[in-house]
Amino acid sequence: MKDPCSKSQLEPNKCGVSTSFGRVAFPTVPVESPRLRAKRAFSREVGMPPAEYIQQERIAVTKKWLLETPLSIREMATRMAFSSKYHFMRSFKQSTGKTPGRWRSTAIPPIV
């Protein structure tokens, strides 16, 4: 059986080489995209991925609105860019353990 990694038998995408530049073989090195690098740096600094952080902040804002405004659930979902009020309600319940309506009715407003 031939060794695909011998110098005379270099094959693309095997043995970590690419032969797309004629007869010259260049090692293929996995390159981390700037986006992935930023995501990893964010996660290291904040302790969670960016999407999770954003979701947490969206829920925090809606908790404040539930206490301080008469906005409807649908209006909050729209303002916070959830795809629907049902998506917002599921996300809110997953985060808090209560639906937005239940949370609003049982939460104690802050003393100002």
PDB file of N, CA and C in Angstrom:
ATOM      1  N   MET A   1       0.853  -1.178   0.000  1.00  0.00           N
ATOM      2  CA  MET A   1       0.000   0.000   0.000  1.00  0.00           C
ATOM      3  C   MET A   1       0.898   1.240   0.000  1.00  0.00           C
ATOM      4  N   LYS A   2       0.575   2.177  -0.845  1.00  0.00           N
ATOM      5  CA  LYS A   2       1.369   3.396  -0.948  1.00  0.00           C
ATOM      6  C   LYS A   2       1.078   4.329   0.210  1.00  0.00           C
ATOM      7  N   ASP A   3       2.108   5.025   0.662  1.00  0.00           N
ATOM      8  CA  ASP A   3       1.958   6.013   1.725  1.00  0.00           C
ATOM      9  C   ASP A   3       1.555   7.341   1.088  1.00  0.00           C
ATOM     10  N   PRO A   4       0.317   7.859   1.358  1.00  0.00           N
ATOM     11  CA  PRO A   4      -0.113   9.114   0.731  1.00  0.00           C
ATOM     12  C   PRO A   4       0.717  10.308   1.191  1.00  0.00           C
ATOM     13  N   CYS A   5       1.543  10.129   2.221  1.00  0.00           N
ATOM     14  CA  CYS A   5       2.326  11.240   2.746  1.00  0.00           C
ATOM     15  C   CYS A   5       3.779  11.223   2.272  1.00  0.00           C
ATOM     16  N   SER A   6       4.144  10.233   1.436  1.00  0.00           N
ATOM     17  CA  SER A   6       5.518  10.235   0.930  1.00  0.00           C
ATOM     18  C   SER A   6       5.679  11.410  -0.024  1.00  0.00           C
ATOM     19  N   LYS A   7       6.911  11.907  -0.139  1.00  0.00           N
ATOM     20  CA  LYS A   7       7.159  13.113  -0.936  1.00  0.00           C
ATOM     21  C   LYS A   7       6.701  12.966  -2.374  1.00  0.00           C
ATOM     22  N   SER A   8       6.804  11.774  -2.923  1.00  0.00           N
ATOM     23  CA  SER A   8       6.422  11.606  -4.326  1.00  0.00           C
ATOM     24  C   SER A   8       4.918  11.433  -4.499  1.00  0.00           C
ATOM     25  N   GLN A   9       4.196  11.165  -3.421  1.00  0.00           N
ATOM     26  CA  GLN A   9       2.765  10.887  -3.513  1.00  0.00           C
ATOM     27  C   GLN A   9       1.888  11.891  -2.763  1.00  0.00           C
ATOM     28  N   LEU A  10       2.360  13.110  -2.553  1.00  0.00           N
ATOM     29  CA  LEU A  10       1.569  14.084  -1.794  1.00  0.00           C
ATOM     30  C   LEU A  10       0.200  14.275  -2.429  1.00  0.00           C
ATOM     31  N   GLU A  11      -0.819  14.110  -1.636  1.00  0.00           N
ATOM     32  CA  GLU A  11      -2.184  14.286  -2.108  1.00  0.00           C
ATOM     33  C   GLU A  11      -2.821  15.456  -1.367  1.00  0.00           C
ATOM     34  N   PRO A  12      -3.619  16.269  -2.072  1.00  0.00           N
ATOM     35  CA  PRO A  12      -4.278  17.407  -1.412  1.00  0.00           C
ATOM     36  C   PRO A  12      -5.146  16.944  -0.240  1.00  0.00           C
ATOM     37  N   ASN A  13      -5.169  17.751   0.788  1.00  0.00           N
ATOM     38  CA  ASN A  13      -6.012  17.547   1.963  1.00  0.00           C
ATOM     39  C   ASN A  13      -5.703  16.274   2.745  1.00  0.00           C
ATOM     40  N   LYS A  14      -4.597  15.653   2.461  1.00  0.00           N
ATOM     41  CA  LYS A  14      -4.123  14.527   3.259  1.00  0.00           C
ATOM     42  C   LYS A  14      -2.743  14.923   3.740  1.00  0.00           C
ATOM     43  N   CYS A  15      -2.362  14.497   4.861  1.00  0.00           N
ATOM     44  CA  CYS A  15      -1.032  14.762   5.418  1.00  0.00           C
ATOM     45  C   CYS A  15      -0.821  16.236   5.738  1.00  0.00           C
ATOM     46  N   GLY A  16      -1.860  17.041   5.774  1.00  0.00           N
ATOM     47  CA  GLY A  16      -1.721  18.447   6.138  1.00  0.00           C
ATOM     48  C   GLY A  16      -1.048  19.301   5.092  1.00  0.00           C
ATOM     49  N   VAL A  17      -1.173  18.952   3.820  1.00  0.00           N
ATOM     50  CA  VAL A  17      -0.565  19.778   2.774  1.00  0.00           C
ATOM     51  C   VAL A  17      -1.598  20.118   1.716  1.00  0.00           C
ATOM     52  N   SER A  18      -1.348  21.196   1.041  1.00  0.00           N
ATOM     53  CA  SER A  18      -2.203  21.602  -0.065  1.00  0.00           C
ATOM     54  C   SER A  18      -1.313  21.739  -1.285  1.00  0.00           C
ATOM     55  N   THR A  19      -1.726  21.197  -2.394  1.00  0.00           N
ATOM     56  CA  THR A  19      -0.929  21.294  -3.614  1.00  0.00           C
ATOM     57  C   THR A  19      -1.630  22.155  -4.653  1.00  0.00           C
ATOM     58  N   SER A  20      -2.393  23.114  -4.201  1.00  0.00           N
ATOM     59  CA  SER A  20      -3.149  23.935  -5.137  1.00  0.00           C
ATOM     60  C   SER A  20      -2.282  24.938  -5.894  1.00  0.00           C
ATOM     61  N   PHE A  21      -1.009  25.084  -5.526  1.00  0.00           N
ATOM     62  CA  PHE A  21      -0.116  26.014  -6.207  1.00  0.00           C
ATOM     63  C   PHE A  21       0.880  25.244  -7.060  1.00  0.00           C
ATOM     64  N   GLY A  22       0.383  24.564  -8.058  1.00  0.00           N
ATOM     65  CA  GLY A  22       1.255  23.808  -8.942  1.00  0.00           C
ATOM     66  C   GLY A  22       1.874  22.627  -8.228  1.00  0.00           C
ATOM     67  N   ARG A  23       3.158  22.482  -8.351  1.00  0.00           N
ATOM     68  CA  ARG A  23       3.851  21.337  -7.775  1.00  0.00           C
ATOM     69  C   ARG A  23       4.432  21.632  -6.409  1.00  0.00           C
ATOM     70  N   VAL A  24       4.242  22.827  -5.924  1.00  0.00           N
ATOM     71  CA  VAL A  24       4.788  23.202  -4.623  1.00  0.00           C
ATOM     72  C   VAL A  24       3.764  22.859  -3.550  1.00  0.00           C
ATOM     73  N   ALA A  25       4.229  22.209  -2.503  1.00  0.00           N
ATOM     74  CA  ALA A  25       3.334  21.833  -1.410  1.00  0.00           C
ATOM     75  C   ALA A  25       3.498  22.817  -0.256  1.00  0.00           C
ATOM     76  N   PHE A  26       2.390  23.386   0.213  1.00  0.00           N
ATOM     77  CA  PHE A  26       2.389  24.295   1.349  1.00  0.00           C
ATOM     78  C   PHE A  26       1.615  23.644   2.481  1.00  0.00           C
ATOM     79  N   PRO A  27       2.124  23.725   3.689  1.00  0.00           N
ATOM     80  CA  PRO A  27       1.362  23.151   4.803  1.00  0.00           C
ATOM     81  C   PRO A  27       0.063  23.927   5.012  1.00  0.00           C
ATOM     82  N   THR A  28      -0.995  23.223   5.302  1.00  0.00           N
ATOM     83  CA  THR A  28      -2.261  23.883   5.600  1.00  0.00           C
ATOM     84  C   THR A  28      -2.312  24.131   7.096  1.00  0.00           C
ATOM     85  N   VAL A  29      -2.576  25.352   7.461  1.00  0.00           N
ATOM     86  CA  VAL A  29      -2.627  25.738   8.866  1.00  0.00           C
ATOM     87  C   VAL A  29      -4.025  26.245   9.161  1.00  0.00           C
ATOM     88  N   PRO A  30      -4.695  25.685  10.166  1.00  0.00           N
ATOM     89  CA  PRO A  30      -6.021  26.205  10.493  1.00  0.00           C
ATOM     90  C   PRO A  30      -5.904  27.669  10.931  1.00  0.00           C
ATOM     91  N   VAL A  31      -6.674  28.515  10.299  1.00  0.00           N
ATOM     92  CA  VAL A  31      -6.629  29.941  10.604  1.00  0.00           C
ATOM     93  C   VAL A  31      -7.895  30.322  11.368  1.00  0.00           C
ATOM     94  N   GLU A  32      -7.718  30.992  12.486  1.00  0.00           N
ATOM     95  CA  GLU A  32      -8.852  31.437  13.286  1.00  0.00           C
ATOM     96  C   GLU A  32      -9.338  32.771  12.736  1.00  0.00           C
ATOM     97  N   SER A  33     -10.610  32.851  12.435  1.00  0.00           N
ATOM     98  CA  SER A  33     -11.156  34.084  11.882  1.00  0.00           C
ATOM     99  C   SER A  33     -11.187  35.174  12.957  1.00  0.00           C
ATOM    100  N   PRO A  34     -11.134  36.435  12.540  1.00  0.00           N
ATOM    101  CA  PRO A  34     -11.231  37.529  13.519  1.00  0.00           C
ATOM    102  C   PRO A  34     -12.517  37.460  14.340  1.00  0.00           C
ATOM    103  N   ARG A  35     -13.592  37.015  13.693  1.00  0.00           N
ATOM    104  CA  ARG A  35     -14.877  36.906  14.395  1.00  0.00           C
ATOM    105  C   ARG A  35     -14.799  35.876  15.526  1.00  0.00           C
ATOM    106  N   LEU A  36     -14.210  34.722  15.231  1.00  0.00           N
ATOM    107  CA  LEU A  36     -14.073  33.684  16.243  1.00  0.00           C
ATOM    108  C   LEU A  36     -13.116  34.131  17.347  1.00  0.00           C
ATOM    109  N   ARG A  37     -12.047  34.809  16.962  1.00  0.00           N
ATOM    110  CA  ARG A  37     -11.088  35.313  17.949  1.00  0.00           C
ATOM    111  C   ARG A  37     -11.771  36.301  18.891  1.00  0.00           C
ATOM    112  N   ALA A  38     -12.601  37.188  18.331  1.00  0.00           N
ATOM    113  CA  ALA A  38     -13.318  38.172  19.155  1.00  0.00           C
ATOM    114  C   ALA A  38     -14.311  37.476  20.079  1.00  0.00           C
ATOM    115  N   LYS A  39     -15.001  36.468  19.560  1.00  0.00           N
ATOM    116  CA  LYS A  39     -15.972  35.732  20.374  1.00  0.00           C
ATOM    117  C   LYS A  39     -15.278  35.049  21.553  1.00  0.00           C
ATOM    118  N   ARG A  40     -14.131  34.440  21.292  1.00  0.00           N
ATOM    119  CA  ARG A  40     -13.390  33.772  22.369  1.00  0.00           C
ATOM    120  C   ARG A  40     -12.868  34.771  23.394  1.00  0.00           C
ATOM    121  N   ALA A  41     -12.384  35.916  22.927  1.00  0.00           N
ATOM    122  CA  ALA A  41     -11.878  36.945  23.837  1.00  0.00           C
ATOM    123  C   ALA A  41     -13.020  37.472  24.708  1.00  0.00           C
ATOM    124  N   PHE A  42     -14.174  37.709  24.100  1.00  0.00           N
ATOM    125  CA  PHE A  42     -15.346  38.173  24.844  1.00  0.00           C
ATOM    126  C   PHE A  42     -15.722  37.156  25.917  1.00  0.00           C
ATOM    127  N   SER A  43     -15.796  35.898  25.521  1.00  0.00           N
ATOM    128  CA  SER A  43     -16.172  34.837  26.462  1.00  0.00           C
ATOM    129  C   SER A  43     -15.191  34.756  27.622  1.00  0.00           C
ATOM    130  N   ARG A  44     -13.911  34.914  27.331  1.00  0.00           N
ATOM    131  CA  ARG A  44     -12.891  34.878  28.380  1.00  0.00           C
ATOM    132  C   ARG A  44     -13.076  36.033  29.363  1.00  0.00           C
ATOM    133  N   GLU A  45     -13.347  37.230  28.846  1.00  0.00           N
ATOM    134  CA  GLU A  45     -13.482  38.419  29.688  1.00  0.00           C
ATOM    135  C   GLU A  45     -14.785  38.443  30.489  1.00  0.00           C
ATOM    136  N   VAL A  46     -15.881  38.102  29.834  1.00  0.00           N
ATOM    137  CA  VAL A  46     -17.207  38.236  30.442  1.00  0.00           C
ATOM    138  C   VAL A  46     -17.666  36.950  31.131  1.00  0.00           C
ATOM    139  N   GLY A  47     -17.142  35.824  30.684  1.00  0.00           N
ATOM    140  CA  GLY A  47     -17.514  34.555  31.299  1.00  0.00           C
ATOM    141  C   GLY A  47     -18.659  33.844  30.616  1.00  0.00           C
ATOM    142  N   MET A  48     -19.103  34.373  29.491  1.00  0.00           N
ATOM    143  CA  MET A  48     -20.162  33.730  28.718  1.00  0.00           C
ATOM    144  C   MET A  48     -20.054  34.196  27.262  1.00  0.00           C
ATOM    145  N   PRO A  49     -20.605  33.431  26.324  1.00  0.00           N
ATOM    146  CA  PRO A  49     -20.566  33.837  24.916  1.00  0.00           C
ATOM    147  C   PRO A  49     -21.381  35.108  24.689  1.00  0.00           C
ATOM    148  N   PRO A  50     -21.052  35.861  23.630  1.00  0.00           N
ATOM    149  CA  PRO A  50     -21.765  37.111  23.350  1.00  0.00           C
ATOM    150  C   PRO A  50     -23.283  36.946  23.226  1.00  0.00           C
ATOM    151  N   ALA A  51     -23.729  35.901  22.558  1.00  0.00           N
ATOM    152  CA  ALA A  51     -25.175  35.705  22.374  1.00  0.00           C
ATOM    153  C   ALA A  51     -25.886  35.511  23.713  1.00  0.00           C
ATOM    154  N   GLU A  52     -25.264  34.776  24.608  1.00  0.00           N
ATOM    155  CA  GLU A  52     -25.858  34.557  25.931  1.00  0.00           C
ATOM    156  C   GLU A  52     -25.904  35.864  26.725  1.00  0.00           C
ATOM    157  N   TYR A  53     -24.836  36.638  26.628  1.00  0.00           N
ATOM    158  CA  TYR A  53     -24.784  37.932  27.321  1.00  0.00           C
ATOM    159  C   TYR A  53     -25.879  38.868  26.803  1.00  0.00           C
ATOM    160  N   ILE A  54     -26.016  38.932  25.500  1.00  0.00           N
ATOM    161  CA  ILE A  54     -27.036  39.797  24.893  1.00  0.00           C
ATOM    162  C   ILE A  54     -28.430  39.365  25.332  1.00  0.00           C
ATOM    163  N   GLN A  55     -28.665  38.062  25.324  1.00  0.00           N
ATOM    164  CA  GLN A  55     -29.971  37.549  25.763  1.00  0.00           C
ATOM    165  C   GLN A  55     -30.242  37.932  27.211  1.00  0.00           C
ATOM    166  N   GLN A  56     -29.235  37.800  28.054  1.00  0.00           N
ATOM    167  CA  GLN A  56     -29.374  38.152  29.476  1.00  0.00           C
ATOM    168  C   GLN A  56     -29.707  39.641  29.632  1.00  0.00           C
ATOM    169  N   GLU A  57     -29.056  40.475  28.853  1.00  0.00           N
ATOM    170  CA  GLU A  57     -29.320  41.911  28.920  1.00  0.00           C
ATOM    171  C   GLU A  57     -30.720  42.249  28.403  1.00  0.00           C
ATOM    172  N   ARG A  58     -31.154  41.583  27.366  1.00  0.00           N
ATOM    173  CA  ARG A  58     -32.510  41.811  26.840  1.00  0.00           C
ATOM    174  C   ARG A  58     -33.556  41.475  27.900  1.00  0.00           C
ATOM    175  N   ILE A  59     -33.353  40.365  28.595  1.00  0.00           N
ATOM    176  CA  ILE A  59     -34.297  39.949  29.639  1.00  0.00           C
ATOM    177  C   ILE A  59     -34.259  40.950  30.795  1.00  0.00           C
ATOM    178  N   ALA A  60     -33.083  41.441  31.147  1.00  0.00           N
ATOM    179  CA  ALA A  60     -32.970  42.425  32.236  1.00  0.00           C
ATOM    180  C   ALA A  60     -33.738  43.702  31.901  1.00  0.00           C
ATOM    181  N   VAL A  61     -33.638  44.149  30.655  1.00  0.00           N
ATOM    182  CA  VAL A  61     -34.368  45.355  30.247  1.00  0.00           C
ATOM    183  C   VAL A  61     -35.875  45.111  30.309  1.00  0.00           C
ATOM    184  N   THR A  62     -36.316  43.951  29.829  1.00  0.00           N
ATOM    185  CA  THR A  62     -37.757  43.693  29.853  1.00  0.00           C
ATOM    186  C   THR A  62     -38.285  43.530  31.276  1.00  0.00           C
ATOM    187  N   LYS A  63     -37.466  43.016  32.190  1.00  0.00           N
ATOM    188  CA  LYS A  63     -37.901  42.960  33.596  1.00  0.00           C
ATOM    189  C   LYS A  63     -38.178  44.371  34.118  1.00  0.00           C
ATOM    190  N   LYS A  64     -37.287  45.289  33.786  1.00  0.00           N
ATOM    191  CA  LYS A  64     -37.473  46.679  34.214  1.00  0.00           C
ATOM    192  C   LYS A  64     -38.748  47.268  33.600  1.00  0.00           C
ATOM    193  N   TRP A  65     -38.951  47.001  32.313  1.00  0.00           N
ATOM    194  CA  TRP A  65     -40.159  47.504  31.652  1.00  0.00           C
ATOM    195  C   TRP A  65     -41.418  46.907  32.278  1.00  0.00           C
ATOM    196  N   LEU A  66     -41.362  45.628  32.631  1.00  0.00           N
ATOM    197  CA  LEU A  66     -42.537  44.993  33.241  1.00  0.00           C
ATOM    198  C   LEU A  66     -42.928  45.686  34.537  1.00  0.00           C
ATOM    199  N   LEU A  67     -41.947  46.165  35.280  1.00  0.00           N
ATOM    200  CA  LEU A  67     -42.224  46.856  36.537  1.00  0.00           C
ATOM    201  C   LEU A  67     -42.636  48.309  36.342  1.00  0.00           C
ATOM    202  N   GLU A  68     -42.022  48.961  35.366  1.00  0.00           N
ATOM    203  CA  GLU A  68     -42.155  50.418  35.269  1.00  0.00           C
ATOM    204  C   GLU A  68     -43.048  50.942  34.152  1.00  0.00           C
ATOM    205  N   THR A  69     -43.499  50.086  33.261  1.00  0.00           N
ATOM    206  CA  THR A  69     -44.305  50.573  32.132  1.00  0.00           C
ATOM    207  C   THR A  69     -45.545  49.707  31.939  1.00  0.00           C
ATOM    208  N   PRO A  70     -46.526  50.246  31.249  1.00  0.00           N
ATOM    209  CA  PRO A  70     -47.707  49.444  30.928  1.00  0.00           C
ATOM    210  C   PRO A  70     -47.581  48.753  29.561  1.00  0.00           C
ATOM    211  N   LEU A  71     -46.360  48.674  29.004  1.00  0.00           N
ATOM    212  CA  LEU A  71     -46.182  48.065  27.681  1.00  0.00           C
ATOM    213  C   LEU A  71     -46.714  46.639  27.655  1.00  0.00           C
ATOM    214  N   SER A  72     -47.295  46.283  26.529  1.00  0.00           N
ATOM    215  CA  SER A  72     -47.780  44.911  26.366  1.00  0.00           C
ATOM    216  C   SER A  72     -46.593  43.977  26.112  1.00  0.00           C
ATOM    217  N   ILE A  73     -46.825  42.694  26.292  1.00  0.00           N
ATOM    218  CA  ILE A  73     -45.794  41.683  26.044  1.00  0.00           C
ATOM    219  C   ILE A  73     -45.375  41.740  24.579  1.00  0.00           C
ATOM    220  N   ARG A  74     -46.347  41.885  23.700  1.00  0.00           N
ATOM    221  CA  ARG A  74     -46.059  41.968  22.263  1.00  0.00           C
ATOM    222  C   ARG A  74     -45.177  43.179  21.956  1.00  0.00           C
ATOM    223  N   GLU A  75     -45.477  44.325  22.553  1.00  0.00           N
ATOM    224  CA  GLU A  75     -44.685  45.536  22.319  1.00  0.00           C
ATOM    225  C   GLU A  75     -43.257  45.360  22.830  1.00  0.00           C
ATOM    226  N   MET A  76     -43.099  44.744  23.986  1.00  0.00           N
ATOM    227  CA  MET A  76     -41.750  44.497  24.509  1.00  0.00           C
ATOM    228  C   MET A  76     -40.972  43.566  23.591  1.00  0.00           C
ATOM    229  N   ALA A  77     -41.627  42.517  23.143  1.00  0.00           N
ATOM    230  CA  ALA A  77     -40.972  41.561  22.240  1.00  0.00           C
ATOM    231  C   ALA A  77     -40.508  42.261  20.966  1.00  0.00           C
ATOM    232  N   THR A  78     -41.349  43.126  20.437  1.00  0.00           N
ATOM    233  CA  THR A  78     -40.999  43.869  19.220  1.00  0.00           C
ATOM    234  C   THR A  78     -39.835  44.815  19.483  1.00  0.00           C
ATOM    235  N   ARG A  79     -39.906  45.572  20.556  1.00  0.00           N
ATOM    236  CA  ARG A  79     -38.845  46.535  20.872  1.00  0.00           C
ATOM    237  C   ARG A  79     -37.499  45.860  21.148  1.00  0.00           C
ATOM    238  N   MET A  80     -37.527  44.665  21.692  1.00  0.00           N
ATOM    239  CA  MET A  80     -36.282  43.957  22.000  1.00  0.00           C
ATOM    240  C   MET A  80     -35.862  43.015  20.869  1.00  0.00           C
ATOM    241  N   ALA A  81     -36.523  43.107  19.732  1.00  0.00           N
ATOM    242  CA  ALA A  81     -36.172  42.374  18.505  1.00  0.00           C
ATOM    243  C   ALA A  81     -36.268  40.853  18.630  1.00  0.00           C
ATOM    244  N   PHE A  82     -37.240  40.379  19.417  1.00  0.00           N
ATOM    245  CA  PHE A  82     -37.523  38.951  19.416  1.00  0.00           C
ATOM    246  C   PHE A  82     -38.335  38.659  18.166  1.00  0.00           C
ATOM    247  N   SER A  83     -38.230  37.458  17.641  1.00  0.00           N
ATOM    248  CA  SER A  83     -38.930  37.145  16.394  1.00  0.00           C
ATOM    249  C   SER A  83     -40.446  37.135  16.566  1.00  0.00           C
ATOM    250  N   SER A  84     -40.911  36.878  17.778  1.00  0.00           N
ATOM    251  CA  SER A  84     -42.352  36.911  18.053  1.00  0.00           C
ATOM    252  C   SER A  84     -42.548  37.044  19.558  1.00  0.00           C
ATOM    253  N   LYS A  85     -43.786  37.320  19.957  1.00  0.00           N
ATOM    254  CA  LYS A  85     -44.041  37.415  21.393  1.00  0.00           C
ATOM    255  C   LYS A  85     -43.884  36.041  22.046  1.00  0.00           C
ATOM    256  N   TYR A  86     -44.135  34.977  21.276  1.00  0.00           N
ATOM    257  CA  TYR A  86     -44.002  33.628  21.812  1.00  0.00           C
ATOM    258  C   TYR A  86     -42.531  33.281  22.059  1.00  0.00           C
ATOM    259  N   HIS A  87     -41.664  33.720  21.162  1.00  0.00           N
ATOM    260  CA  HIS A  87     -40.223  33.518  21.356  1.00  0.00           C
ATOM    261  C   HIS A  87     -39.764  34.282  22.594  1.00  0.00           C
ATOM    262  N   PHE A  88     -40.230  35.497  22.738  1.00  0.00           N
ATOM    263  CA  PHE A  88     -39.892  36.295  23.916  1.00  0.00           C
ATOM    264  C   PHE A  88     -40.369  35.607  25.195  1.00  0.00           C
ATOM    265  N   MET A  89     -41.606  35.134  25.181  1.00  0.00           N
ATOM    266  CA  MET A  89     -42.164  34.496  26.372  1.00  0.00           C
ATOM    267  C   MET A  89     -41.377  33.233  26.754  1.00  0.00           C
ATOM    268  N   ARG A  90     -41.007  32.430  25.751  1.00  0.00           N
ATOM    269  CA  ARG A  90     -40.213  31.218  26.021  1.00  0.00           C
ATOM    270  C   ARG A  90     -38.849  31.586  26.597  1.00  0.00           C
ATOM    271  N   SER A  91     -38.204  32.578  25.990  1.00  0.00           N
ATOM    272  CA  SER A  91     -36.878  33.008  26.447  1.00  0.00           C
ATOM    273  C   SER A  91     -36.947  33.569  27.863  1.00  0.00           C
ATOM    274  N   PHE A  92     -37.968  34.372  28.132  1.00  0.00           N
ATOM    275  CA  PHE A  92     -38.135  34.969  29.452  1.00  0.00           C
ATOM    276  C   PHE A  92     -38.351  33.880  30.499  1.00  0.00           C
ATOM    277  N   LYS A  93     -39.236  32.928  30.189  1.00  0.00           N
ATOM    278  CA  LYS A  93     -39.523  31.854  31.146  1.00  0.00           C
ATOM    279  C   LYS A  93     -38.297  30.981  31.372  1.00  0.00           C
ATOM    280  N   GLN A  94     -37.532  30.721  30.323  1.00  0.00           N
ATOM    281  CA  GLN A  94     -36.318  29.922  30.457  1.00  0.00           C
ATOM    282  C   GLN A  94     -35.320  30.629  31.379  1.00  0.00           C
ATOM    283  N   SER A  95     -35.278  31.949  31.279  1.00  0.00           N
ATOM    284  CA  SER A  95     -34.328  32.721  32.080  1.00  0.00           C
ATOM    285  C   SER A  95     -34.786  32.922  33.523  1.00  0.00           C
ATOM    286  N   THR A  96     -36.077  33.169  33.719  1.00  0.00           N
ATOM    287  CA  THR A  96     -36.576  33.547  35.048  1.00  0.00           C
ATOM    288  C   THR A  96     -37.392  32.468  35.752  1.00  0.00           C
ATOM    289  N   GLY A  97     -37.876  31.503  34.992  1.00  0.00           N
ATOM    290  CA  GLY A  97     -38.739  30.480  35.581  1.00  0.00           C
ATOM    291  C   GLY A  97     -40.205  30.871  35.583  1.00  0.00           C
ATOM    292  N   LYS A  98     -40.504  32.083  35.118  1.00  0.00           N
ATOM    293  CA  LYS A  98     -41.889  32.565  35.058  1.00  0.00           C
ATOM    294  C   LYS A  98     -42.139  33.213  33.703  1.00  0.00           C
ATOM    295  N   THR A  99     -43.414  33.219  33.301  1.00  0.00           N
ATOM    296  CA  THR A  99     -43.762  33.955  32.087  1.00  0.00           C
ATOM    297  C   THR A  99     -43.692  35.452  32.403  1.00  0.00           C
ATOM    298  N   PRO A 100     -43.591  36.292  31.384  1.00  0.00           N
ATOM    299  CA  PRO A 100     -43.555  37.733  31.657  1.00  0.00           C
ATOM    300  C   PRO A 100     -44.779  38.224  32.431  1.00  0.00           C
ATOM    301  N   GLY A 101     -45.954  37.734  32.068  1.00  0.00           N
ATOM    302  CA  GLY A 101     -47.177  38.150  32.763  1.00  0.00           C
ATOM    303  C   GLY A 101     -47.172  37.748  34.226  1.00  0.00           C
ATOM    304  N   ARG A 102     -46.744  36.519  34.502  1.00  0.00           N
ATOM    305  CA  ARG A 102     -46.679  36.040  35.884  1.00  0.00           C
ATOM    306  C   ARG A 102     -45.608  36.826  36.654  1.00  0.00           C
ATOM    307  N   TRP A 103     -44.503  37.090  35.999  1.00  0.00           N
ATOM    308  CA  TRP A 103     -43.417  37.840  36.648  1.00  0.00           C
ATOM    309  C   TRP A 103     -43.890  39.253  36.992  1.00  0.00           C
ATOM    310  N   ARG A 104     -44.609  39.875  36.066  1.00  0.00           N
ATOM    311  CA  ARG A 104     -45.109  41.237  36.298  1.00  0.00           C
ATOM    312  C   ARG A 104     -46.074  41.261  37.479  1.00  0.00           C
ATOM    313  N   SER A 105     -46.938  40.271  37.566  1.00  0.00           N
ATOM    314  CA  SER A 105     -47.955  40.282  38.617  1.00  0.00           C
ATOM    315  C   SER A 105     -47.392  39.915  40.002  1.00  0.00           C
ATOM    316  N   THR A 106     -46.266  39.224  40.035  1.00  0.00           N
ATOM    317  CA  THR A 106     -45.724  38.808  41.332  1.00  0.00           C
ATOM    318  C   THR A 106     -44.483  39.608  41.769  1.00  0.00           C
ATOM    319  N   ALA A 107     -43.918  40.387  40.866  1.00  0.00           N
ATOM    320  CA  ALA A 107     -42.710  41.158  41.210  1.00  0.00           C
ATOM    321  C   ALA A 107     -43.038  42.332  42.104  1.00  0.00           C
ATOM    322  N   ILE A 108     -42.122  42.655  42.978  1.00  0.00           N
ATOM    323  CA  ILE A 108     -42.287  43.797  43.857  1.00  0.00           C
ATOM    324  C   ILE A 108     -41.565  44.974  43.231  1.00  0.00           C
ATOM    325  N   PRO A 109     -42.273  46.064  42.935  1.00  0.00           N
ATOM    326  CA  PRO A 109     -41.613  47.206  42.308  1.00  0.00           C
ATOM    327  C   PRO A 109     -40.561  47.828  43.226  1.00  0.00           C
ATOM    328  N   PRO A 110     -39.492  48.347  42.623  1.00  0.00           N
ATOM    329  CA  PRO A 110     -38.444  48.966  43.468  1.00  0.00           C
ATOM    330  C   PRO A 110     -38.945  50.260  44.126  1.00  0.00           C
ATOM    331  N   ILE A 111     -38.440  50.527  45.298  1.00  0.00           N
ATOM    332  CA  ILE A 111     -38.799  51.755  46.002  1.00  0.00           C
ATOM    333  C   ILE A 111     -37.929  52.882  45.436  1.00  0.00           C
ATOM    334  N   VAL A 112     -38.605  53.940  45.031  1.00  0.00           N
ATOM    335  CA  VAL A 112     -37.880  55.044  44.397  1.00  0.00           C
ATOM    336  C   VAL A 112     -37.689  56.187  45.352  1.00  0.00           C
TER     337      VAL A 112
END
